[in-house]
Amino acid sequence: MITMKDIVREGNPVLTEVAKEVELPPTAEEKETLEEMLQFIKNSQDDEIAKKYDLRAGVGLAAPQIGISKRMMAVHFQDFDEKIYSYGLFNPKIISHSVAETFLSSGEGCLSVDREIPGYVPRYQKITVKAIDLEGNEVKLKLRGYAAVVFQHEIDHLNGVMFYDHINKQDPFFVPENATPCDQ
């Protein structure tokens, strides 16, 4: 079972590397790791389990965050329309995106970052992601708003990018011309 002690924290070089593609089909070990990542996210949202194992709540986890430089990510969350997204994905890739941007007005957080970093993180408002799921199927997901933000945050980890790399250094609460908050 993955716990917070397995989560790599900022400053670790694995978080700034571009992760390697997973050779398909994935190995049994890679599949098991991805299933454990998804279970960690689910556990982190279960008050009882989270309290017992001292887990911080999260909505996504990328393999580099547990020290594995491979293109694997897990997400489990509900968007503002109460649609549930629960995926373990290999080699996720953004194949198209909108020009319009969005951001969370409360800012973003990260399991690998133990401090609050205020500021808006501009993201594409809509994205299409292609990946291979845990069952080995190719999936194509059209995402918008909060779901698009979560997926971009995790895919950034696979590219060695942290959420705060997107925050405007001069003006952390700068709103790009074509951006609207996705949570209002």
Protein backbone atom coordinates (compact mmCIF):
# COMPACT_ATOMS: atom_id res chain seq x y z
CA MET A 1 0.00 0.00 0.00
CA ILE A 2 1.31 3.43 -0.97
CA THR A 3 1.41 5.94 1.90
CA MET A 4 2.71 9.50 2.27
CA LYS A 5 6.21 8.18 3.09
CA ASP A 6 6.34 6.87 -0.52
CA ILE A 7 5.57 10.30 -1.99
CA VAL A 8 8.65 12.05 -3.36
CA ARG A 9 8.84 15.71 -2.29
CA GLU A 10 9.86 18.79 -4.29
CA GLY A 11 13.62 19.09 -4.65
CA ASN A 12 13.96 15.45 -5.69
CA PRO A 13 15.43 15.37 -9.24
CA VAL A 14 12.92 12.72 -10.43
CA LEU A 15 10.24 15.44 -10.33
CA THR A 16 12.11 17.52 -12.92
CA GLU A 17 12.82 14.69 -15.39
CA VAL A 18 10.79 13.83 -18.47
CA ALA A 19 9.43 10.37 -17.67
CA LYS A 20 9.96 7.47 -20.10
CA GLU A 21 7.17 5.96 -22.18
CA VAL A 22 5.86 2.65 -20.87
CA GLU A 23 6.50 -0.15 -23.36
CA LEU A 24 3.20 -1.74 -24.28
CA PRO A 25 1.80 -4.03 -23.18
CA PRO A 26 2.85 -2.96 -19.68
CA THR A 27 4.52 -5.52 -17.43
CA ALA A 28 2.58 -7.13 -14.57
CA GLU A 29 4.69 -5.02 -12.19
CA GLU A 30 3.83 -1.76 -14.00
CA LYS A 31 0.14 -2.65 -13.95
CA GLU A 32 0.30 -3.47 -10.25
CA THR A 33 2.09 -0.17 -9.51
CA LEU A 34 -0.57 1.79 -11.41
CA GLU A 35 -3.37 -0.07 -9.59
CA GLU A 36 -1.68 0.79 -6.26
CA MET A 37 -1.42 4.45 -7.32
CA LEU A 38 -5.15 4.53 -8.07
CA GLN A 39 -5.89 2.82 -4.75
CA PHE A 40 -3.77 5.42 -2.92
CA ILE A 41 -5.87 8.24 -4.40
CA LYS A 42 -9.11 6.47 -3.42
CA ASN A 43 -7.73 5.78 0.09
CA SER A 44 -6.63 9.43 0.47
CA GLN A 45 -10.25 10.50 -0.05
CA ASP A 46 -11.67 7.98 2.45
CA ASP A 47 -11.73 9.83 5.79
CA GLU A 48 -11.31 6.69 7.88
CA ILE A 49 -8.41 5.21 5.88
CA ALA A 50 -6.76 8.62 5.43
CA LYS A 51 -6.83 9.23 9.17
CA LYS A 52 -5.56 5.73 10.02
CA TYR A 53 -2.59 5.95 7.62
CA ASP A 54 -2.06 9.73 7.82
CA LEU A 55 -2.75 10.32 4.11
CA ARG A 56 -3.17 13.74 2.56
CA ALA A 57 -6.18 13.91 0.26
CA GLY A 58 -5.36 14.01 -3.44
CA VAL A 59 -7.18 13.69 -6.75
CA GLY A 60 -4.26 12.48 -8.87
CA LEU A 61 -0.84 10.88 -8.68
CA ALA A 62 1.87 10.54 -11.31
CA ALA A 63 4.54 7.80 -11.19
CA PRO A 64 7.43 10.29 -10.73
CA GLN A 65 5.76 11.28 -7.43
CA ILE A 66 6.57 7.82 -6.10
CA GLY A 67 10.07 7.91 -7.58
CA ILE A 68 9.29 6.03 -10.81
CA SER A 69 10.23 7.93 -13.97
CA LYS A 70 7.59 6.32 -16.22
CA ARG A 71 4.58 7.81 -18.01
CA MET A 72 1.88 6.50 -15.68
CA MET A 73 -0.80 8.45 -13.80
CA ALA A 74 -3.88 7.78 -11.71
CA VAL A 75 -6.84 10.06 -11.05
CA HIS A 76 -9.97 9.65 -8.97
CA PHE A 77 -12.26 12.65 -8.50
CA GLN A 78 -15.67 14.15 -9.09
CA ASP A 79 -15.98 17.30 -11.18
CA PHE A 80 -18.30 20.21 -10.39
CA ASP A 81 -21.11 18.49 -12.36
CA GLU A 82 -20.67 15.40 -10.15
CA LYS A 83 -19.23 13.32 -12.97
CA ILE A 84 -16.74 10.77 -11.63
CA TYR A 85 -13.34 10.28 -13.25
CA SER A 86 -11.42 7.21 -12.09
CA TYR A 87 -8.53 6.07 -14.27
CA GLY A 88 -5.13 4.46 -14.19
CA LEU A 89 -3.42 5.51 -17.44
CA PHE A 90 -0.27 4.56 -19.30
CA ASN A 91 1.39 7.04 -21.68
CA PRO A 92 -1.28 9.78 -21.44
CA LYS A 93 -0.83 12.45 -24.05
CA ILE A 94 -2.67 15.69 -24.79
CA ILE A 95 -3.52 15.45 -28.49
CA SER A 96 -5.49 18.69 -28.76
CA HIS A 97 -6.39 21.68 -26.61
CA SER A 98 -8.38 24.89 -26.65
CA VAL A 99 -6.90 28.35 -26.99
CA ALA A 100 -9.07 29.47 -24.07
CA GLU A 101 -7.59 28.96 -20.63
CA THR A 102 -8.93 28.31 -17.17
CA PHE A 103 -7.64 28.13 -13.61
CA LEU A 104 -8.74 27.21 -10.11
CA SER A 105 -9.48 30.40 -8.18
CA SER A 106 -8.19 28.70 -5.01
CA GLY A 107 -4.91 27.80 -6.73
CA GLU A 108 -3.46 24.29 -6.98
CA GLY A 109 -1.81 22.01 -4.49
CA CYS A 110 0.32 18.90 -4.87
CA LEU A 111 1.08 15.83 -2.77
CA SER A 112 4.78 16.41 -3.50
CA VAL A 113 4.66 20.00 -2.20
CA ASP A 114 4.34 20.49 1.56
CA ARG A 115 3.79 24.25 1.42
CA GLU A 116 1.06 26.56 0.18
CA ILE A 117 2.01 28.35 -3.03
CA PRO A 118 -0.49 31.12 -3.78
CA GLY A 119 -1.25 32.08 -7.33
CA TYR A 120 -3.27 31.17 -10.39
CA VAL A 121 -2.10 28.27 -12.56
CA PRO A 122 -3.31 28.91 -16.13
CA ARG A 123 -4.36 25.71 -17.91
CA TYR A 124 -6.12 24.90 -21.19
CA GLN A 125 -9.89 25.06 -20.71
CA LYS A 126 -10.47 21.98 -22.88
CA ILE A 127 -8.14 19.11 -23.75
CA THR A 128 -8.35 15.75 -25.46
CA VAL A 129 -6.17 13.05 -23.92
CA LYS A 130 -5.23 9.73 -25.46
CA ALA A 131 -3.88 6.92 -23.25
CA ILE A 132 -3.99 3.21 -22.49
CA ASP A 133 -6.11 2.22 -19.48
CA LEU A 134 -5.48 -0.55 -16.93
CA GLU A 135 -7.40 -3.05 -19.09
CA GLY A 136 -5.14 -2.32 -22.06
CA ASN A 137 -7.74 -0.33 -24.01
CA GLU A 138 -6.92 2.86 -25.84
CA VAL A 139 -9.02 5.65 -24.37
CA LYS A 140 -9.67 9.10 -25.76
CA LEU A 141 -11.01 11.53 -23.18
CA LYS A 142 -12.48 14.93 -23.99
CA LEU A 143 -12.05 16.97 -20.81
CA ARG A 144 -13.03 20.48 -19.82
CA GLY A 145 -12.82 22.72 -16.78
CA TYR A 146 -11.79 21.04 -13.52
CA ALA A 147 -11.21 17.64 -15.15
CA ALA A 148 -8.90 19.25 -17.72
CA VAL A 149 -6.99 21.01 -14.91
CA VAL A 150 -6.46 17.76 -12.96
CA PHE A 151 -5.23 15.84 -16.03
CA GLN A 152 -2.87 18.67 -17.06
CA HIS A 153 -1.41 18.79 -13.53
CA GLU A 154 -0.61 15.05 -13.63
CA ILE A 155 0.67 15.08 -17.24
CA ASP A 156 2.94 18.00 -16.26
CA HIS A 157 4.55 15.69 -13.68
CA LEU A 158 5.38 13.28 -16.50
CA ASN A 159 7.16 16.15 -18.26
CA GLY A 160 9.12 17.29 -15.20
CA VAL A 161 6.95 20.38 -14.68
CA MET A 162 5.56 21.47 -11.31
CA PHE A 163 2.28 23.41 -11.03
CA TYR A 164 4.05 26.49 -9.64
CA ASP A 165 6.21 26.70 -12.79
CA HIS A 166 3.05 28.09 -14.47
CA ILE A 167 2.40 30.83 -11.90
CA ASN A 168 3.32 34.33 -13.09
CA LYS A 169 6.44 35.26 -11.08
CA GLN A 170 5.79 39.04 -11.15
CA ASP A 171 2.06 38.81 -10.46
CA PRO A 172 0.94 35.43 -9.03
CA PHE A 173 -2.73 36.35 -9.40
CA PHE A 174 -2.43 37.57 -12.98
CA VAL A 175 -5.36 36.39 -15.12
CA PRO A 176 -4.46 35.82 -18.78
CA GLU A 177 -6.74 37.64 -21.26
CA ASN A 178 -8.40 34.43 -22.48
CA ALA A 179 -8.80 32.75 -19.06
CA THR A 180 -11.82 32.24 -16.81
CA PRO A 181 -11.99 30.40 -13.49
CA CYS A 182 -13.40 26.87 -13.82
CA ASP A 183 -14.76 26.68 -10.29
CA GLN A 184 -17.29 29.51 -10.22
